[in-house]
Amino acid sequence: HGAEWVQQGQLWFDSLWNNLGEDFDVWGDLD
């Protein structure tokens, strides 16, 4: 079930990235 696992893993990642993720500037929080 490797193909299905990779597909679902990518789907989960994209869903979190698109729906819950907020862009973060790694250089804007130096303090």
Full PDB file with SEQRES, HELIX, SHEET, SSBOND, CRYST1, ORIGX, SCALE, CONECT and MASTER records, all heavy atoms in Angstrom:
SEQRES   1 A   31  HIS GLY ALA GLU TRP VAL GLN GLN GLY GLN LEU TRP PHE          
SEQRES   2 A   31  ASP SER LEU TRP ASN ASN LEU GLY GLU ASP PHE ASP VAL          
SEQRES   3 A   31  TRP GLY ASP LEU ASP                                          
HELIX    1 AA1 GLY A    2  ASN A   19  1                                  18    
CRYST1    1.000    1.000    1.000  90.00  90.00  90.00 P 1           1          
ORIGX1      1.000000  0.000000  0.000000        0.00000                         
ORIGX2      0.000000  1.000000  0.000000        0.00000                         
ORIGX3      0.000000  0.000000  1.000000        0.00000                         
SCALE1      1.000000  0.000000  0.000000        0.00000                         
SCALE2      0.000000  1.000000  0.000000        0.00000                         
SCALE3      0.000000  0.000000  1.000000        0.00000                         
ATOM      1  N   HIS A   1       0.820  -1.209   0.000  1.00  0.00           N  
ATOM      2  CA  HIS A   1       0.000   0.000   0.000  1.00  0.00           C  
ATOM      3  C   HIS A   1       0.857   1.263   0.000  1.00  0.00           C  
ATOM      4  O   HIS A   1       0.422   2.307   0.467  1.00  0.00           O  
ATOM      5  CB  HIS A   1      -0.964   0.018   1.196  1.00  0.00           C  
ATOM      6  CG  HIS A   1      -1.852  -1.185   1.262  1.00  0.00           C  
ATOM      7  ND1 HIS A   1      -2.903  -1.383   0.383  1.00  0.00           N  
ATOM      8  CD2 HIS A   1      -1.843  -2.259   2.093  1.00  0.00           C  
ATOM      9  CE1 HIS A   1      -3.506  -2.528   0.677  1.00  0.00           C  
ATOM     10  NE2 HIS A   1      -2.879  -3.083   1.690  1.00  0.00           N  
ATOM     11  N   GLY A   2       2.086   1.155  -0.517  1.00  0.00           N  
ATOM     12  CA  GLY A   2       2.977   2.315  -0.528  1.00  0.00           C  
ATOM     13  C   GLY A   2       2.446   3.453  -1.357  1.00  0.00           C  
ATOM     14  O   GLY A   2       2.495   4.615  -0.942  1.00  0.00           O  
ATOM     15  N   ALA A   3       1.912   3.159  -2.555  1.00  0.00           N  
ATOM     16  CA  ALA A   3       1.403   4.220  -3.429  1.00  0.00           C  
ATOM     17  C   ALA A   3       0.260   4.962  -2.762  1.00  0.00           C  
ATOM     18  O   ALA A   3       0.194   6.207  -2.791  1.00  0.00           O  
ATOM     19  CB  ALA A   3       0.951   3.620  -4.759  1.00  0.00           C  
ATOM     20  N   GLU A   4      -0.645   4.216  -2.141  1.00  0.00           N  
ATOM     21  CA  GLU A   4      -1.780   4.845  -1.452  1.00  0.00           C  
ATOM     22  C   GLU A   4      -1.302   5.662  -0.260  1.00  0.00           C  
ATOM     23  O   GLU A   4      -1.817   6.752   0.010  1.00  0.00           O  
ATOM     24  CB  GLU A   4      -2.763   3.764  -1.009  1.00  0.00           C  
ATOM     25  CG  GLU A   4      -4.027   4.321  -0.376  1.00  0.00           C  
ATOM     26  CD  GLU A   4      -4.996   3.224  -0.006  1.00  0.00           C  
ATOM     27  OE1 GLU A   4      -4.660   2.030  -0.192  1.00  0.00           O  
ATOM     28  OE2 GLU A   4      -6.101   3.551   0.471  1.00  0.00           O  
ATOM     29  N   TRP A   5      -0.287   5.144   0.457  1.00  0.00           N  
ATOM     30  CA  TRP A   5       0.218   5.850   1.632  1.00  0.00           C  
ATOM     31  C   TRP A   5       0.857   7.181   1.231  1.00  0.00           C  
ATOM     32  O   TRP A   5       0.595   8.207   1.856  1.00  0.00           O  
ATOM     33  CB  TRP A   5       1.249   4.977   2.359  1.00  0.00           C  
ATOM     34  CG  TRP A   5       1.258   5.220   3.831  1.00  0.00           C  
ATOM     35  CD1 TRP A   5       0.712   4.447   4.799  1.00  0.00           C  
ATOM     36  CD2 TRP A   5       1.861   6.347   4.502  1.00  0.00           C  
ATOM     37  NE1 TRP A   5       0.914   5.007   6.031  1.00  0.00           N  
ATOM     38  CE2 TRP A   5       1.612   6.178   5.894  1.00  0.00           C  
ATOM     39  CE3 TRP A   5       2.552   7.474   4.088  1.00  0.00           C  
ATOM     40  CZ2 TRP A   5       2.056   7.085   6.850  1.00  0.00           C  
ATOM     41  CZ3 TRP A   5       2.991   8.390   5.037  1.00  0.00           C  
ATOM     42  CH2 TRP A   5       2.745   8.190   6.390  1.00  0.00           C  
ATOM     43  N   VAL A   6       1.673   7.163   0.180  1.00  0.00           N  
ATOM     44  CA  VAL A   6       2.298   8.407  -0.278  1.00  0.00           C  
ATOM     45  C   VAL A   6       1.229   9.404  -0.732  1.00  0.00           C  
ATOM     46  O   VAL A   6       1.287  10.605  -0.421  1.00  0.00           O  
ATOM     47  CB  VAL A   6       3.301   8.131  -1.417  1.00  0.00           C  
ATOM     48  CG1 VAL A   6       3.840   9.433  -1.993  1.00  0.00           C  
ATOM     49  CG2 VAL A   6       4.460   7.266  -0.913  1.00  0.00           C  
ATOM     50  N   GLN A   7       0.235   8.923  -1.464  1.00  0.00           N  
ATOM     51  CA  GLN A   7      -0.827   9.797  -1.949  1.00  0.00           C  
ATOM     52  C   GLN A   7      -1.586  10.443  -0.788  1.00  0.00           C  
ATOM     53  O   GLN A   7      -1.854  11.653  -0.804  1.00  0.00           O  
ATOM     54  CB  GLN A   7      -1.788   9.002  -2.825  1.00  0.00           C  
ATOM     55  CG  GLN A   7      -2.933   9.834  -3.397  1.00  0.00           C  
ATOM     56  CD  GLN A   7      -3.917   8.976  -4.183  1.00  0.00           C  
ATOM     57  OE1 GLN A   7      -4.015   7.771  -3.954  1.00  0.00           O  
ATOM     58  NE2 GLN A   7      -4.635   9.583  -5.101  1.00  0.00           N  
ATOM     59  N   GLN A   8      -1.941   9.639   0.214  1.00  0.00           N  
ATOM     60  CA  GLN A   8      -2.684  10.180   1.344  1.00  0.00           C  
ATOM     61  C   GLN A   8      -1.813  11.096   2.207  1.00  0.00           C  
ATOM     62  O   GLN A   8      -2.296  12.090   2.759  1.00  0.00           O  
ATOM     63  CB  GLN A   8      -3.252   9.034   2.189  1.00  0.00           C  
ATOM     64  CG  GLN A   8      -4.354   8.246   1.500  1.00  0.00           C  
ATOM     65  CD  GLN A   8      -5.536   9.133   1.128  1.00  0.00           C  
ATOM     66  OE1 GLN A   8      -6.050   9.894   1.949  1.00  0.00           O  
ATOM     67  NE2 GLN A   8      -5.962   9.042  -0.133  1.00  0.00           N  
ATOM     68  N   GLY A   9      -0.527  10.757   2.330  1.00  0.00           N  
ATOM     69  CA  GLY A   9       0.382  11.627   3.063  1.00  0.00           C  
ATOM     70  C   GLY A   9       0.504  12.991   2.406  1.00  0.00           C  
ATOM     71  O   GLY A   9       0.509  14.026   3.075  1.00  0.00           O  
ATOM     72  N   GLN A  10       0.601  12.993   1.066  1.00  0.00           N  
ATOM     73  CA  GLN A  10       0.670  14.264   0.338  1.00  0.00           C  
ATOM     74  C   GLN A  10      -0.631  15.050   0.472  1.00  0.00           C  
ATOM     75  O   GLN A  10      -0.619  16.278   0.639  1.00  0.00           O  
ATOM     76  CB  GLN A  10       0.959  13.995  -1.139  1.00  0.00           C  
ATOM     77  CG  GLN A  10       1.251  15.256  -1.961  1.00  0.00           C  
ATOM     78  CD  GLN A  10       2.595  15.866  -1.612  1.00  0.00           C  
ATOM     79  OE1 GLN A  10       3.635  15.276  -1.882  1.00  0.00           O  
ATOM     80  NE2 GLN A  10       2.584  17.049  -1.009  1.00  0.00           N  
ATOM     81  N   LEU A  11      -1.773  14.338   0.437  1.00  0.00           N  
ATOM     82  CA  LEU A  11      -3.069  14.986   0.603  1.00  0.00           C  
ATOM     83  C   LEU A  11      -3.183  15.628   1.981  1.00  0.00           C  
ATOM     84  O   LEU A  11      -3.650  16.765   2.121  1.00  0.00           O  
ATOM     85  CB  LEU A  11      -4.184  13.964   0.388  1.00  0.00           C  
ATOM     86  CG  LEU A  11      -5.619  14.481   0.530  1.00  0.00           C  
ATOM     87  CD1 LEU A  11      -5.932  15.500  -0.558  1.00  0.00           C  
ATOM     88  CD2 LEU A  11      -6.611  13.307   0.463  1.00  0.00           C  
ATOM     89  N   TRP A  12      -2.738  14.891   3.015  1.00  0.00           N  
ATOM     90  CA  TRP A  12      -2.777  15.450   4.373  1.00  0.00           C  
ATOM     91  C   TRP A  12      -1.887  16.685   4.473  1.00  0.00           C  
ATOM     92  O   TRP A  12      -2.301  17.713   5.028  1.00  0.00           O  
ATOM     93  CB  TRP A  12      -2.320  14.392   5.384  1.00  0.00           C  
ATOM     94  CG  TRP A  12      -2.237  14.924   6.781  1.00  0.00           C  
ATOM     95  CD1 TRP A  12      -3.234  14.970   7.709  1.00  0.00           C  
ATOM     96  CD2 TRP A  12      -1.084  15.528   7.398  1.00  0.00           C  
ATOM     97  NE1 TRP A  12      -2.778  15.565   8.868  1.00  0.00           N  
ATOM     98  CE2 TRP A  12      -1.478  15.912   8.698  1.00  0.00           C  
ATOM     99  CE3 TRP A  12       0.217  15.776   6.981  1.00  0.00           C  
ATOM    100  CZ2 TRP A  12      -0.593  16.524   9.589  1.00  0.00           C  
ATOM    101  CZ3 TRP A  12       1.102  16.393   7.858  1.00  0.00           C  
ATOM    102  CH2 TRP A  12       0.700  16.760   9.150  1.00  0.00           C  
ATOM    103  N   PHE A  13      -0.672  16.591   3.960  1.00  0.00           N  
ATOM    104  CA  PHE A  13       0.252  17.724   4.043  1.00  0.00           C  
ATOM    105  C   PHE A  13      -0.345  18.948   3.346  1.00  0.00           C  
ATOM    106  O   PHE A  13      -0.354  20.053   3.909  1.00  0.00           O  
ATOM    107  CB  PHE A  13       1.596  17.357   3.404  1.00  0.00           C  
ATOM    108  CG  PHE A  13       2.610  18.471   3.488  1.00  0.00           C  
ATOM    109  CD1 PHE A  13       3.510  18.520   4.545  1.00  0.00           C  
ATOM    110  CD2 PHE A  13       2.664  19.470   2.526  1.00  0.00           C  
ATOM    111  CE1 PHE A  13       4.447  19.550   4.635  1.00  0.00           C  
ATOM    112  CE2 PHE A  13       3.583  20.502   2.612  1.00  0.00           C  
ATOM    113  CZ  PHE A  13       4.479  20.546   3.669  1.00  0.00           C  
ATOM    114  N   ASP A  14      -0.826  18.764   2.129  1.00  0.00           N  
ATOM    115  CA  ASP A  14      -1.377  19.891   1.380  1.00  0.00           C  
ATOM    116  C   ASP A  14      -2.585  20.499   2.074  1.00  0.00           C  
ATOM    117  O   ASP A  14      -2.782  21.724   2.057  1.00  0.00           O  
ATOM    118  CB  ASP A  14      -1.757  19.456  -0.038  1.00  0.00           C  
ATOM    119  CG  ASP A  14      -0.540  19.147  -0.899  1.00  0.00           C  
ATOM    120  OD1 ASP A  14       0.561  19.622  -0.577  1.00  0.00           O  
ATOM    121  OD2 ASP A  14      -0.694  18.416  -1.896  1.00  0.00           O  
ATOM    122  N   SER A  15      -3.420  19.655   2.699  1.00  0.00           N  
ATOM    123  CA  SER A  15      -4.610  20.184   3.370  1.00  0.00           C  
ATOM    124  C   SER A  15      -4.227  21.048   4.564  1.00  0.00           C  
ATOM    125  O   SER A  15      -4.823  22.106   4.803  1.00  0.00           O  
ATOM    126  CB  SER A  15      -5.526  19.035   3.805  1.00  0.00           C  
ATOM    127  OG  SER A  15      -4.931  18.273   4.849  1.00  0.00           O  
ATOM    128  N   LEU A  16      -3.210  20.608   5.336  1.00  0.00           N  
ATOM    129  CA  LEU A  16      -2.760  21.409   6.472  1.00  0.00           C  
ATOM    130  C   LEU A  16      -2.054  22.668   5.993  1.00  0.00           C  
ATOM    131  O   LEU A  16      -2.246  23.762   6.547  1.00  0.00           O  
ATOM    132  CB  LEU A  16      -1.825  20.569   7.350  1.00  0.00           C  
ATOM    133  CG  LEU A  16      -1.758  20.965   8.832  1.00  0.00           C  
ATOM    134  CD1 LEU A  16      -3.108  20.763   9.499  1.00  0.00           C  
ATOM    135  CD2 LEU A  16      -0.691  20.151   9.554  1.00  0.00           C  
ATOM    136  N   TRP A  17      -1.242  22.515   4.964  1.00  0.00           N  
ATOM    137  CA  TRP A  17      -0.507  23.657   4.409  1.00  0.00           C  
ATOM    138  C   TRP A  17      -1.469  24.737   3.910  1.00  0.00           C  
ATOM    139  O   TRP A  17      -1.299  25.929   4.205  1.00  0.00           O  
ATOM    140  CB  TRP A  17       0.381  23.165   3.271  1.00  0.00           C  
ATOM    141  CG  TRP A  17       1.214  24.223   2.606  1.00  0.00           C  
ATOM    142  CD1 TRP A  17       0.875  24.994   1.523  1.00  0.00           C  
ATOM    143  CD2 TRP A  17       2.541  24.638   2.973  1.00  0.00           C  
ATOM    144  NE1 TRP A  17       1.899  25.842   1.198  1.00  0.00           N  
ATOM    145  CE2 TRP A  17       2.934  25.647   2.068  1.00  0.00           C  
ATOM    146  CE3 TRP A  17       3.433  24.232   3.962  1.00  0.00           C  
ATOM    147  CZ2 TRP A  17       4.179  26.267   2.136  1.00  0.00           C  
ATOM    148  CZ3 TRP A  17       4.686  24.850   4.031  1.00  0.00           C  
ATOM    149  CH2 TRP A  17       5.040  25.861   3.125  1.00  0.00           C  
ATOM    150  N   ASN A  18      -2.498  24.343   3.193  1.00  0.00           N  
ATOM    151  CA  ASN A  18      -3.411  25.302   2.566  1.00  0.00           C  
ATOM    152  C   ASN A  18      -4.460  25.860   3.516  1.00  0.00           C  
ATOM    153  O   ASN A  18      -4.861  27.024   3.381  1.00  0.00           O  
ATOM    154  CB  ASN A  18      -4.106  24.654   1.365  1.00  0.00           C  
ATOM    155  CG  ASN A  18      -3.143  24.337   0.242  1.00  0.00           C  
ATOM    156  OD1 ASN A  18      -2.193  25.067  -0.009  1.00  0.00           O  
ATOM    157  ND2 ASN A  18      -3.371  23.216  -0.440  1.00  0.00           N  
ATOM    158  N   ASN A  19      -4.900  25.053   4.495  1.00  0.00           N  
ATOM    159  CA  ASN A  19      -6.032  25.466   5.316  1.00  0.00           C  
ATOM    160  C   ASN A  19      -5.662  25.980   6.699  1.00  0.00           C  
ATOM    161  O   ASN A  19      -6.394  26.804   7.263  1.00  0.00           O  
ATOM    162  CB  ASN A  19      -7.020  24.296   5.463  1.00  0.00           C  
ATOM    163  CG  ASN A  19      -7.632  23.901   4.133  1.00  0.00           C  
ATOM    164  OD1 ASN A  19      -8.114  24.745   3.390  1.00  0.00           O  
ATOM    165  ND2 ASN A  19      -7.610  22.605   3.829  1.00  0.00           N  
ATOM    166  N   LEU A  20      -4.560  25.505   7.259  1.00  0.00           N  
ATOM    167  CA  LEU A  20      -4.162  25.939   8.593  1.00  0.00           C  
ATOM    168  C   LEU A  20      -2.839  26.695   8.613  1.00  0.00           C  
ATOM    169  O   LEU A  20      -2.551  27.418   9.563  1.00  0.00           O  
ATOM    170  CB  LEU A  20      -4.060  24.735   9.536  1.00  0.00           C  
ATOM    171  CG  LEU A  20      -5.364  24.000   9.869  1.00  0.00           C  
ATOM    172  CD1 LEU A  20      -5.090  22.867  10.842  1.00  0.00           C  
ATOM    173  CD2 LEU A  20      -6.405  24.946  10.440  1.00  0.00           C  
ATOM    174  N   GLY A  21      -2.027  26.508   7.601  1.00  0.00           N  
ATOM    175  CA  GLY A  21      -0.703  27.127   7.595  1.00  0.00           C  
ATOM    176  C   GLY A  21      -0.750  28.624   7.361  1.00  0.00           C  
ATOM    177  O   GLY A  21      -1.536  29.126   6.549  1.00  0.00           O  
ATOM    178  N   GLU A  22       0.104  29.346   8.082  1.00  0.00           N  
ATOM    179  CA  GLU A  22       0.276  30.791   7.898  1.00  0.00           C  
ATOM    180  C   GLU A  22       1.728  31.045   7.517  1.00  0.00           C  
ATOM    181  O   GLU A  22       2.646  30.518   8.159  1.00  0.00           O  
ATOM    182  CB  GLU A  22      -0.072  31.551   9.175  1.00  0.00           C  
ATOM    183  CG  GLU A  22      -1.512  31.379   9.632  1.00  0.00           C  
ATOM    184  CD  GLU A  22      -1.789  32.143  10.915  1.00  0.00           C  
ATOM    185  OE1 GLU A  22      -0.862  32.849  11.403  1.00  0.00           O  
ATOM    186  OE2 GLU A  22      -2.902  32.029  11.438  1.00  0.00           O  
ATOM    187  N   ASP A  23       1.954  31.853   6.489  1.00  0.00           N  
ATOM    188  CA  ASP A  23       3.318  32.151   6.054  1.00  0.00           C  
ATOM    189  C   ASP A  23       4.134  32.715   7.203  1.00  0.00           C  
ATOM    190  O   ASP A  23       3.661  33.582   7.966  1.00  0.00           O  
ATOM    191  CB  ASP A  23       3.297  33.146   4.890  1.00  0.00           C  
ATOM    192  CG  ASP A  23       2.781  32.522   3.607  1.00  0.00           C  
ATOM    193  OD1 ASP A  23       2.894  31.294   3.454  1.00  0.00           O  
ATOM    194  OD2 ASP A  23       2.244  33.264   2.757  1.00  0.00           O  
ATOM    195  N   PHE A  24       5.361  32.237   7.323  1.00  0.00           N  
ATOM    196  CA  PHE A  24       6.234  32.655   8.420  1.00  0.00           C  
ATOM    197  C   PHE A  24       7.552  33.143   7.848  1.00  0.00           C  
ATOM    198  O   PHE A  24       8.204  32.429   7.074  1.00  0.00           O  
ATOM    199  CB  PHE A  24       6.475  31.471   9.367  1.00  0.00           C  
ATOM    200  CG  PHE A  24       7.353  31.800  10.544  1.00  0.00           C  
ATOM    201  CD1 PHE A  24       6.865  32.527  11.612  1.00  0.00           C  
ATOM    202  CD2 PHE A  24       8.672  31.380  10.579  1.00  0.00           C  
ATOM    203  CE1 PHE A  24       7.673  32.831  12.701  1.00  0.00           C  
ATOM    204  CE2 PHE A  24       9.489  31.673  11.655  1.00  0.00           C  
ATOM    205  CZ  PHE A  24       8.986  32.397  12.722  1.00  0.00           C  
ATOM    206  N   ASP A  25       7.942  34.344   8.228  1.00  0.00           N  
ATOM    207  CA  ASP A  25       9.206  34.919   7.776  1.00  0.00           C  
ATOM    208  C   ASP A  25      10.292  34.554   8.783  1.00  0.00           C  
ATOM    209  O   ASP A  25      10.318  35.071   9.898  1.00  0.00           O  
ATOM    210  CB  ASP A  25       9.076  36.439   7.670  1.00  0.00           C  
ATOM    211  CG  ASP A  25      10.361  37.099   7.190  1.00  0.00           C  
ATOM    212  OD1 ASP A  25      11.333  36.377   6.880  1.00  0.00           O  
ATOM    213  OD2 ASP A  25      10.399  38.348   7.134  1.00  0.00           O  
ATOM    214  N   VAL A  26      11.182  33.640   8.393  1.00  0.00           N  
ATOM    215  CA  VAL A  26      12.192  33.163   9.340  1.00  0.00           C  
ATOM    216  C   VAL A  26      13.185  34.253   9.710  1.00  0.00           C  
ATOM    217  O   VAL A  26      13.856  34.150  10.740  1.00  0.00           O  
ATOM    218  CB  VAL A  26      12.950  31.938   8.777  1.00  0.00           C  
ATOM    219  CG1 VAL A  26      11.981  30.797   8.514  1.00  0.00           C  
ATOM    220  CG2 VAL A  26      13.721  32.292   7.521  1.00  0.00           C  
ATOM    221  N   TRP A  27      13.287  35.292   8.893  1.00  0.00           N  
ATOM    222  CA  TRP A  27      14.227  36.369   9.186  1.00  0.00           C  
ATOM    223  C   TRP A  27      13.565  37.527   9.929  1.00  0.00           C  
ATOM    224  O   TRP A  27      14.263  38.457  10.354  1.00  0.00           O  
ATOM    225  CB  TRP A  27      14.848  36.906   7.896  1.00  0.00           C  
ATOM    226  CG  TRP A  27      15.464  35.827   7.069  1.00  0.00           C  
ATOM    227  CD1 TRP A  27      15.047  35.389   5.853  1.00  0.00           C  
ATOM    228  CD2 TRP A  27      16.606  35.037   7.394  1.00  0.00           C  
ATOM    229  NE1 TRP A  27      15.846  34.371   5.390  1.00  0.00           N  
ATOM    230  CE2 TRP A  27      16.818  34.136   6.318  1.00  0.00           C  
ATOM    231  CE3 TRP A  27      17.470  34.990   8.490  1.00  0.00           C  
ATOM    232  CZ2 TRP A  27      17.859  33.205   6.317  1.00  0.00           C  
ATOM    233  CZ3 TRP A  27      18.500  34.061   8.483  1.00  0.00           C  
ATOM    234  CH2 TRP A  27      18.679  33.197   7.402  1.00  0.00           C  
ATOM    235  N   GLY A  28      12.243  37.474  10.095  1.00  0.00           N  
ATOM    236  CA  GLY A  28      11.541  38.599  10.713  1.00  0.00           C  
ATOM    237  C   GLY A  28      11.337  38.435  12.199  1.00  0.00           C  
ATOM    238  O   GLY A  28      10.670  39.248  12.830  1.00  0.00           O  
ATOM    239  N   ASP A  29      11.896  37.385  12.801  1.00  0.00           N  
ATOM    240  CA  ASP A  29      11.666  37.099  14.222  1.00  0.00           C  
ATOM    241  C   ASP A  29      12.982  36.807  14.926  1.00  0.00           C  
ATOM    242  O   ASP A  29      13.075  35.921  15.752  1.00  0.00           O  
ATOM    243  CB  ASP A  29      10.735  35.887  14.334  1.00  0.00           C  
ATOM    244  CG  ASP A  29      10.044  35.807  15.684  1.00  0.00           C  
ATOM    245  OD1 ASP A  29      10.032  36.829  16.391  1.00  0.00           O  
ATOM    246  OD2 ASP A  29       9.544  34.724  16.034  1.00  0.00           O  
ATOM    247  N   LEU A  30      13.995  37.573  14.566  1.00  0.00           N  
ATOM    248  CA  LEU A  30      15.335  37.263  15.063  1.00  0.00           C  
ATOM    249  C   LEU A  30      15.461  37.368  16.576  1.00  0.00           C  
ATOM    250  O   LEU A  30      16.162  36.596  17.215  1.00  0.00           O  
ATOM    251  CB  LEU A  30      16.365  38.187  14.392  1.00  0.00           C  
ATOM    252  CG  LEU A  30      16.547  37.985  12.899  1.00  0.00           C  
ATOM    253  CD1 LEU A  30      17.516  39.008  12.342  1.00  0.00           C  
ATOM    254  CD2 LEU A  30      17.045  36.575  12.611  1.00  0.00           C  
ATOM    255  N   ASP A  31      14.773  38.325  17.183  1.00  0.00           N  
ATOM    256  CA  ASP A  31      14.892  38.508  18.632  1.00  0.00           C  
ATOM    257  C   ASP A  31      14.445  37.273  19.380  1.00  0.00           C  
ATOM    258  O   ASP A  31      15.033  36.874  20.382  1.00  0.00           O  
ATOM    259  CB  ASP A  31      14.078  39.714  19.090  1.00  0.00           C  
ATOM    260  CG  ASP A  31      14.684  41.018  18.599  1.00  0.00           C  
ATOM    261  OD1 ASP A  31      15.880  41.019  18.279  1.00  0.00           O  
ATOM    262  OD2 ASP A  31      13.952  42.042  18.573  1.00  0.00           O  
TER     263      ASP A  31                                                      
MASTER        0    0    0    1    0    0    0    6  262    1    0    3          
END                                                                             
